[in-house]
Amino acid sequence: MEPDDVAGAATQVSGTADRISAGHFEYQFSTLSGAFTGATNPMTDVAAGGDNRVQQSITNTAGAVTAFSELVISAKGTSEGLDDDNAAYIRNATPYPSVLPVDPDNEH
């Protein structure tokens, strides 16, 4: 694992969450409310609810992407810690004794 690469990827994912959060639609459901003026049910409530649902979906998606980028950063920290611990464990290991192989039946 290359920590800098993982951090860069997490930053890109976080930037994607920001772009999603900033997103908006050019046309909204609320423009329908005036299209049915005089109808028995002019769609005002439905149209307003649609706008809220779309905005909530955008917010939820941005939040999920942000959470994923934070998960990547956390995994990076955990992996770095484990790498460091394992490297120290190997450095501190007692080396095997240096022994020449012995074959008593094949000595010259």
Protein backbone atom coordinates (compact mmCIF):
# COMPACT_ATOMS: atom_id res chain seq x y z
CA MET A 1 0.00 0.00 0.00
CA GLU A 2 1.25 3.44 -0.89
CA PRO A 3 -0.12 5.81 1.78
CA ASP A 4 0.15 8.88 -0.44
CA ASP A 5 -1.83 7.18 -3.21
CA VAL A 6 -4.57 6.16 -0.77
CA ALA A 7 -4.74 9.68 0.67
CA GLY A 8 -4.96 11.11 -2.85
CA ALA A 9 -7.78 8.72 -3.74
CA ALA A 10 -9.68 9.64 -0.56
CA THR A 11 -9.28 13.33 -1.40
CA GLN A 12 -10.70 12.74 -4.88
CA VAL A 13 -13.65 10.81 -3.45
CA SER A 14 -14.28 13.61 -0.96
CA GLY A 15 -14.20 16.12 -3.83
CA THR A 16 -16.79 14.04 -5.64
CA ALA A 17 -19.03 14.25 -2.56
CA ASP A 18 -18.67 18.05 -2.63
CA ARG A 19 -19.65 18.16 -6.30
CA ILE A 20 -22.67 15.94 -5.65
CA SER A 21 -23.71 18.11 -2.73
CA ALA A 22 -23.48 21.24 -4.88
CA GLY A 23 -25.59 19.68 -7.61
CA HIS A 24 -29.00 21.00 -8.51
CA PHE A 25 -31.58 20.49 -11.22
CA GLU A 26 -32.33 23.17 -13.75
CA TYR A 27 -36.01 22.24 -13.73
CA GLN A 28 -37.91 21.44 -10.58
CA PHE A 29 -41.16 19.65 -9.89
CA SER A 30 -42.56 22.84 -8.41
CA THR A 31 -42.81 24.26 -11.95
CA LEU A 32 -45.62 21.72 -12.46
CA SER A 33 -47.76 23.34 -9.80
CA GLY A 34 -48.66 26.23 -12.11
CA ALA A 35 -49.17 23.96 -15.12
CA PHE A 36 -52.41 22.54 -13.77
CA THR A 37 -54.09 25.72 -12.58
CA GLY A 38 -57.81 25.23 -12.25
CA ALA A 39 -57.56 21.45 -12.06
CA THR A 40 -59.33 19.67 -9.23
CA ASN A 41 -55.95 18.65 -7.86
CA PRO A 42 -53.40 21.23 -9.03
CA MET A 43 -50.36 19.07 -8.06
CA THR A 44 -48.93 21.74 -5.75
CA ASP A 45 -48.34 19.36 -2.83
CA VAL A 46 -47.00 16.60 -5.05
CA ALA A 47 -44.68 18.98 -6.86
CA ALA A 48 -43.28 20.47 -3.65
CA GLY A 49 -42.79 16.98 -2.21
CA GLY A 50 -40.92 15.90 -5.34
CA ASP A 51 -38.46 18.78 -5.02
CA ASN A 52 -37.82 17.91 -1.38
CA ARG A 53 -37.29 14.24 -2.18
CA VAL A 54 -34.82 14.99 -4.96
CA GLN A 55 -32.88 17.38 -2.72
CA GLN A 56 -32.88 14.84 0.14
CA SER A 57 -31.60 12.16 -2.24
CA ILE A 58 -28.75 14.42 -3.33
CA THR A 59 -27.91 15.17 0.31
CA ASN A 60 -28.03 11.48 1.24
CA THR A 61 -25.83 10.49 -1.70
CA ALA A 62 -23.26 13.16 -0.89
CA GLY A 63 -23.25 11.98 2.72
CA ALA A 64 -22.68 8.37 1.68
CA VAL A 65 -19.79 9.35 -0.59
CA THR A 66 -18.26 11.47 2.19
CA ALA A 67 -18.57 8.55 4.60
CA PHE A 68 -16.78 6.31 2.09
CA SER A 69 -13.89 8.76 1.76
CA GLU A 70 -13.58 8.85 5.55
CA LEU A 71 -13.58 5.05 5.58
CA VAL A 72 -10.73 5.02 3.07
CA ILE A 73 -8.72 7.43 5.25
CA SER A 74 -9.39 5.27 8.31
CA ALA A 75 -8.33 2.11 6.46
CA LYS A 76 -5.16 3.92 5.38
CA GLY A 77 -4.31 4.74 8.99
CA THR A 78 -5.05 1.20 10.12
CA SER A 79 -2.95 -0.30 7.32
CA GLU A 80 -0.05 2.04 8.03
CA GLY A 81 -0.18 1.12 11.71
CA LEU A 82 -0.22 -2.60 10.94
CA ASP A 83 2.62 -2.21 8.44
CA ASP A 84 4.69 -0.37 11.04
CA ASP A 85 3.89 -2.94 13.74
CA ASN A 86 4.75 -5.86 11.46
CA ALA A 87 7.99 -4.23 10.33
CA ALA A 88 9.01 -3.66 13.96
CA TYR A 89 8.09 -7.25 14.84
CA ILE A 90 10.28 -8.58 12.04
CA ARG A 91 13.16 -6.22 12.89
CA ASN A 92 13.04 -7.29 16.53
CA ALA A 93 12.78 -11.00 15.81
CA THR A 94 15.62 -13.17 17.07
CA PRO A 95 17.54 -14.56 14.13
CA TYR A 96 17.86 -18.30 13.70
CA PRO A 97 21.21 -19.64 14.85
CA SER A 98 23.68 -20.13 12.11
CA VAL A 99 24.26 -23.85 11.87
CA LEU A 100 25.81 -25.83 9.10
CA PRO A 101 23.79 -28.82 7.96
CA VAL A 102 25.02 -32.07 9.36
CA ASP A 103 24.64 -35.43 7.68
CA PRO A 104 26.55 -38.02 9.69
CA ASP A 105 26.01 -40.71 7.06
CA ASN A 106 27.60 -38.60 4.36
CA GLU A 107 30.71 -37.16 5.96
CA HIS A 108 33.98 -37.36 4.05
